[in-house]
N, C-alpha and C. Protein backbone atom coordinates (compact mmCIF):
# COMPACT_ATOMS: atom_id res chain seq x y z
N UNK A 1 1.41 -21.67 -27.46
CA UNK A 1 0.99 -21.76 -28.84
C UNK A 1 1.82 -20.82 -29.71
N UNK A 2 2.14 -19.65 -29.20
CA UNK A 2 2.89 -18.68 -30.00
C UNK A 2 4.29 -19.20 -30.34
N UNK A 3 4.91 -19.92 -29.41
CA UNK A 3 6.23 -20.50 -29.71
C UNK A 3 6.10 -21.48 -30.86
N UNK A 4 5.11 -22.36 -30.79
CA UNK A 4 4.92 -23.35 -31.84
C UNK A 4 4.63 -22.70 -33.19
N UNK A 5 3.94 -21.58 -33.17
CA UNK A 5 3.54 -20.93 -34.41
C UNK A 5 4.63 -20.02 -34.98
N UNK A 6 5.37 -19.31 -34.12
CA UNK A 6 6.26 -18.26 -34.62
C UNK A 6 7.74 -18.41 -34.28
N UNK A 7 8.09 -19.14 -33.26
CA UNK A 7 9.46 -19.11 -32.75
C UNK A 7 10.32 -20.27 -33.24
N UNK A 8 11.61 -20.05 -33.19
CA UNK A 8 12.58 -21.10 -33.50
C UNK A 8 13.12 -21.74 -32.24
N UNK A 9 12.86 -21.11 -31.08
CA UNK A 9 13.38 -21.62 -29.82
C UNK A 9 12.51 -21.14 -28.66
N UNK A 10 12.63 -21.85 -27.55
CA UNK A 10 12.00 -21.40 -26.31
C UNK A 10 12.99 -21.65 -25.17
N UNK A 11 12.89 -20.83 -24.13
CA UNK A 11 13.79 -20.93 -23.00
C UNK A 11 12.95 -20.93 -21.73
N UNK A 12 13.08 -21.98 -20.93
CA UNK A 12 12.26 -22.11 -19.73
C UNK A 12 13.18 -22.21 -18.52
N UNK A 13 12.98 -21.33 -17.56
CA UNK A 13 13.80 -21.31 -16.35
C UNK A 13 13.37 -22.37 -15.36
N UNK A 14 14.34 -22.98 -14.70
CA UNK A 14 14.01 -24.05 -13.76
C UNK A 14 13.37 -23.55 -12.47
N UNK A 15 13.33 -22.24 -12.28
CA UNK A 15 12.67 -21.70 -11.08
C UNK A 15 11.17 -21.93 -11.11
N UNK A 16 10.62 -22.32 -12.28
CA UNK A 16 9.18 -22.63 -12.34
C UNK A 16 8.90 -24.03 -11.80
N UNK A 17 9.94 -24.82 -11.58
CA UNK A 17 9.79 -26.17 -11.06
C UNK A 17 9.73 -27.20 -12.18
N UNK A 18 10.18 -28.40 -11.85
CA UNK A 18 10.26 -29.47 -12.85
C UNK A 18 8.89 -29.80 -13.46
N UNK A 19 7.86 -29.81 -12.63
CA UNK A 19 6.52 -30.13 -13.13
C UNK A 19 6.06 -29.12 -14.17
N UNK A 20 6.28 -27.84 -13.91
CA UNK A 20 5.88 -26.80 -14.87
C UNK A 20 6.78 -26.78 -16.10
N UNK A 21 8.05 -27.14 -15.93
CA UNK A 21 8.93 -27.25 -17.10
C UNK A 21 8.41 -28.34 -18.03
N UNK A 22 8.06 -29.49 -17.44
CA UNK A 22 7.54 -30.59 -18.24
C UNK A 22 6.22 -30.21 -18.90
N UNK A 23 5.36 -29.51 -18.18
CA UNK A 23 4.08 -29.08 -18.74
C UNK A 23 4.30 -28.15 -19.93
N UNK A 24 5.26 -27.23 -19.82
CA UNK A 24 5.54 -26.31 -20.93
C UNK A 24 6.02 -27.07 -22.16
N UNK A 25 6.88 -28.06 -21.95
CA UNK A 25 7.37 -28.88 -23.07
C UNK A 25 6.23 -29.69 -23.68
N UNK A 26 5.40 -30.28 -22.84
CA UNK A 26 4.25 -31.05 -23.33
C UNK A 26 3.28 -30.15 -24.10
N UNK A 27 3.04 -28.95 -23.59
CA UNK A 27 2.17 -27.99 -24.29
C UNK A 27 2.75 -27.61 -25.64
N UNK A 28 4.05 -27.39 -25.68
CA UNK A 28 4.71 -27.04 -26.94
C UNK A 28 4.52 -28.17 -27.96
N UNK A 29 4.73 -29.40 -27.52
CA UNK A 29 4.56 -30.54 -28.43
C UNK A 29 3.13 -30.61 -28.95
N UNK A 30 2.17 -30.43 -28.06
CA UNK A 30 0.76 -30.48 -28.44
C UNK A 30 0.44 -29.38 -29.46
N UNK A 31 0.93 -28.18 -29.22
CA UNK A 31 0.66 -27.07 -30.15
C UNK A 31 1.37 -27.28 -31.49
N UNK A 32 2.58 -27.81 -31.46
CA UNK A 32 3.28 -28.11 -32.72
C UNK A 32 2.48 -29.13 -33.52
N UNK A 33 2.01 -30.18 -32.85
CA UNK A 33 1.21 -31.20 -33.53
C UNK A 33 -0.05 -30.59 -34.13
N UNK A 34 -0.72 -29.73 -33.38
CA UNK A 34 -1.96 -29.11 -33.85
C UNK A 34 -1.72 -28.20 -35.06
N UNK A 35 -0.55 -27.57 -35.11
CA UNK A 35 -0.23 -26.67 -36.21
C UNK A 35 0.47 -27.37 -37.38
N UNK A 36 0.78 -28.66 -37.20
CA UNK A 36 1.48 -29.39 -38.25
C UNK A 36 2.96 -29.04 -38.33
N UNK A 37 3.51 -28.53 -37.25
CA UNK A 37 4.92 -28.16 -37.22
C UNK A 37 5.72 -29.27 -36.57
N UNK A 38 6.90 -29.53 -37.09
CA UNK A 38 7.77 -30.54 -36.49
C UNK A 38 8.25 -30.04 -35.13
N UNK A 39 7.95 -30.78 -34.09
CA UNK A 39 8.34 -30.44 -32.72
C UNK A 39 9.85 -30.26 -32.61
N UNK A 40 10.59 -31.12 -33.29
CA UNK A 40 12.06 -31.06 -33.23
C UNK A 40 12.64 -29.83 -33.92
N UNK A 41 11.83 -29.08 -34.65
CA UNK A 41 12.34 -27.87 -35.30
C UNK A 41 12.44 -26.70 -34.33
N UNK A 42 11.93 -26.87 -33.12
CA UNK A 42 12.00 -25.83 -32.10
C UNK A 42 13.11 -26.20 -31.11
N UNK A 43 14.08 -25.33 -30.96
CA UNK A 43 15.13 -25.55 -29.97
C UNK A 43 14.53 -25.30 -28.59
N UNK A 44 14.77 -26.22 -27.67
CA UNK A 44 14.21 -26.12 -26.33
C UNK A 44 15.36 -25.98 -25.33
N UNK A 45 15.47 -24.81 -24.70
CA UNK A 45 16.56 -24.57 -23.76
C UNK A 45 16.03 -24.38 -22.35
N UNK A 46 16.82 -24.86 -21.40
CA UNK A 46 16.51 -24.65 -19.99
C UNK A 46 17.50 -23.64 -19.43
N UNK A 47 17.07 -22.89 -18.44
CA UNK A 47 17.92 -21.90 -17.80
C UNK A 47 17.91 -22.16 -16.30
N UNK A 48 19.10 -22.26 -15.72
CA UNK A 48 19.22 -22.51 -14.29
C UNK A 48 20.44 -21.78 -13.74
N UNK A 49 20.50 -21.68 -12.43
CA UNK A 49 21.65 -21.10 -11.76
C UNK A 49 22.42 -22.22 -11.07
N UNK A 50 23.74 -22.17 -11.18
CA UNK A 50 24.61 -23.18 -10.58
C UNK A 50 25.54 -22.49 -9.59
N UNK A 51 25.56 -23.01 -8.37
CA UNK A 51 26.44 -22.49 -7.31
C UNK A 51 27.42 -23.60 -6.92
N UNK A 52 28.43 -23.83 -7.73
CA UNK A 52 29.37 -24.91 -7.43
C UNK A 52 30.26 -24.60 -6.23
N UNK A 53 30.30 -23.37 -5.79
CA UNK A 53 31.03 -23.07 -4.56
C UNK A 53 30.04 -22.89 -3.40
N UNK A 54 28.79 -23.29 -3.64
CA UNK A 54 27.74 -23.20 -2.63
C UNK A 54 27.06 -24.53 -2.45
N UNK A 55 25.74 -24.55 -2.67
CA UNK A 55 24.94 -25.75 -2.40
C UNK A 55 25.03 -26.82 -3.48
N UNK A 56 25.35 -26.45 -4.70
CA UNK A 56 25.37 -27.42 -5.80
C UNK A 56 26.66 -28.22 -5.81
N UNK A 57 26.53 -29.47 -6.27
CA UNK A 57 27.69 -30.32 -6.51
C UNK A 57 27.68 -30.69 -7.99
N UNK A 58 28.80 -31.19 -8.47
CA UNK A 58 28.84 -31.64 -9.86
C UNK A 58 27.77 -32.70 -10.09
N UNK A 59 27.61 -33.62 -9.15
CA UNK A 59 26.62 -34.70 -9.30
C UNK A 59 25.20 -34.14 -9.37
N UNK A 60 24.89 -33.12 -8.56
CA UNK A 60 23.53 -32.57 -8.59
C UNK A 60 23.26 -31.82 -9.89
N UNK A 61 24.27 -31.16 -10.42
CA UNK A 61 24.11 -30.45 -11.70
C UNK A 61 23.94 -31.45 -12.83
N UNK A 62 24.75 -32.50 -12.83
CA UNK A 62 24.63 -33.56 -13.84
C UNK A 62 23.23 -34.17 -13.80
N UNK A 63 22.73 -34.42 -12.62
CA UNK A 63 21.38 -34.98 -12.46
C UNK A 63 20.33 -34.04 -13.04
N UNK A 64 20.46 -32.74 -12.77
CA UNK A 64 19.51 -31.77 -13.32
C UNK A 64 19.55 -31.76 -14.83
N UNK A 65 20.74 -31.77 -15.41
CA UNK A 65 20.86 -31.76 -16.87
C UNK A 65 20.23 -33.01 -17.47
N UNK A 66 20.47 -34.16 -16.85
CA UNK A 66 19.87 -35.40 -17.35
C UNK A 66 18.35 -35.35 -17.26
N UNK A 67 17.83 -34.75 -16.20
CA UNK A 67 16.38 -34.59 -16.07
C UNK A 67 15.83 -33.70 -17.17
N UNK A 68 16.51 -32.58 -17.42
CA UNK A 68 16.08 -31.67 -18.48
C UNK A 68 16.10 -32.37 -19.84
N UNK A 69 17.15 -33.13 -20.11
CA UNK A 69 17.25 -33.84 -21.39
C UNK A 69 16.11 -34.84 -21.54
N UNK A 70 15.79 -35.55 -20.46
CA UNK A 70 14.70 -36.52 -20.50
C UNK A 70 13.35 -35.84 -20.76
N UNK A 71 13.22 -34.60 -20.31
CA UNK A 71 11.99 -33.84 -20.56
C UNK A 71 11.86 -33.42 -22.02
N UNK A 72 12.98 -33.33 -22.71
CA UNK A 72 12.95 -32.90 -24.11
C UNK A 72 13.74 -31.65 -24.40
N UNK A 73 14.43 -31.11 -23.39
CA UNK A 73 15.25 -29.92 -23.63
C UNK A 73 16.49 -30.31 -24.44
N UNK A 74 16.86 -29.45 -25.37
CA UNK A 74 18.00 -29.73 -26.24
C UNK A 74 19.27 -29.02 -25.81
N UNK A 75 19.14 -27.99 -25.00
CA UNK A 75 20.31 -27.25 -24.50
C UNK A 75 20.04 -26.80 -23.07
N UNK A 76 21.10 -26.77 -22.27
CA UNK A 76 21.00 -26.26 -20.90
C UNK A 76 21.88 -25.01 -20.80
N UNK A 77 21.31 -23.95 -20.28
CA UNK A 77 22.03 -22.70 -20.08
C UNK A 77 22.12 -22.46 -18.58
N UNK A 78 23.32 -22.10 -18.11
CA UNK A 78 23.51 -21.89 -16.68
C UNK A 78 24.08 -20.52 -16.38
N UNK A 79 23.54 -19.90 -15.35
CA UNK A 79 24.14 -18.72 -14.74
C UNK A 79 25.06 -19.23 -13.64
N UNK A 80 26.23 -18.65 -13.54
CA UNK A 80 27.17 -19.02 -12.48
C UNK A 80 27.56 -17.75 -11.73
N UNK A 81 26.87 -17.43 -10.62
CA UNK A 81 27.15 -16.20 -9.91
C UNK A 81 28.59 -16.10 -9.40
N UNK A 82 29.23 -17.23 -9.21
CA UNK A 82 30.60 -17.24 -8.71
C UNK A 82 31.61 -17.46 -9.84
N UNK A 83 31.28 -16.97 -11.02
CA UNK A 83 32.12 -17.18 -12.20
C UNK A 83 33.50 -16.55 -12.05
N UNK A 84 33.64 -15.59 -11.18
CA UNK A 84 34.94 -14.96 -10.96
C UNK A 84 35.90 -15.88 -10.22
N UNK A 85 35.38 -16.98 -9.67
CA UNK A 85 36.23 -17.97 -9.00
C UNK A 85 36.58 -19.06 -10.02
N UNK A 86 37.82 -19.43 -10.10
CA UNK A 86 38.26 -20.40 -11.11
C UNK A 86 37.81 -21.83 -10.79
N UNK A 87 37.75 -22.21 -9.52
CA UNK A 87 37.43 -23.59 -9.17
C UNK A 87 36.07 -24.05 -9.69
N UNK A 88 34.99 -23.27 -9.54
CA UNK A 88 33.71 -23.72 -10.11
C UNK A 88 33.77 -23.92 -11.63
N UNK A 89 34.48 -23.04 -12.32
CA UNK A 89 34.62 -23.20 -13.77
C UNK A 89 35.39 -24.46 -14.12
N UNK A 90 36.45 -24.73 -13.37
CA UNK A 90 37.23 -25.94 -13.60
C UNK A 90 36.39 -27.18 -13.33
N UNK A 91 35.61 -27.16 -12.27
CA UNK A 91 34.73 -28.29 -11.96
C UNK A 91 33.71 -28.50 -13.07
N UNK A 92 33.12 -27.42 -13.54
CA UNK A 92 32.14 -27.52 -14.62
C UNK A 92 32.79 -28.13 -15.86
N UNK A 93 33.98 -27.67 -16.21
CA UNK A 93 34.67 -28.16 -17.40
C UNK A 93 35.16 -29.60 -17.23
N UNK A 94 35.68 -29.92 -16.08
CA UNK A 94 36.31 -31.22 -15.85
C UNK A 94 35.30 -32.33 -15.57
N UNK A 95 34.23 -32.02 -14.83
CA UNK A 95 33.32 -33.07 -14.37
C UNK A 95 31.95 -33.06 -15.05
N UNK A 96 31.41 -31.88 -15.27
CA UNK A 96 30.02 -31.80 -15.74
C UNK A 96 29.92 -31.94 -17.25
N UNK A 97 30.68 -31.17 -17.98
CA UNK A 97 30.58 -31.22 -19.45
C UNK A 97 30.83 -32.62 -20.00
N UNK A 98 31.91 -33.32 -19.59
CA UNK A 98 32.11 -34.67 -20.13
C UNK A 98 30.98 -35.64 -19.77
N UNK A 99 30.36 -35.44 -18.62
CA UNK A 99 29.30 -36.36 -18.18
C UNK A 99 27.99 -36.19 -18.95
N UNK A 100 27.79 -35.03 -19.56
CA UNK A 100 26.52 -34.77 -20.24
C UNK A 100 26.68 -34.47 -21.73
N UNK A 101 27.88 -34.52 -22.22
CA UNK A 101 28.16 -34.11 -23.61
C UNK A 101 27.37 -34.92 -24.64
N UNK A 102 27.09 -36.17 -24.35
CA UNK A 102 26.42 -37.03 -25.33
C UNK A 102 24.91 -37.11 -25.16
N UNK A 103 24.35 -36.30 -24.28
CA UNK A 103 22.89 -36.36 -24.08
C UNK A 103 22.15 -35.77 -25.25
């Protein structure tokens, strides 16, 4: 409720799980409606960690971003623990960004 009443944005980490991410977005929409605030006036960001030199693949990251977009998130923020390695950054730039740029 406080986000709907006072904030311009909210950030929800994917470690809470997809079900809880969706619940948070649904709750935000409900509170915005109750307060008469335009739901779209709140920026909704997701936060996740990407290990492109580990367990994650470009396809799995693209799938996660598409899931977040379908939930109502407007921006995806990623931590990349292996950012000092150039290959994961190149993969992110070459494969992931073009695949989700129009979401």
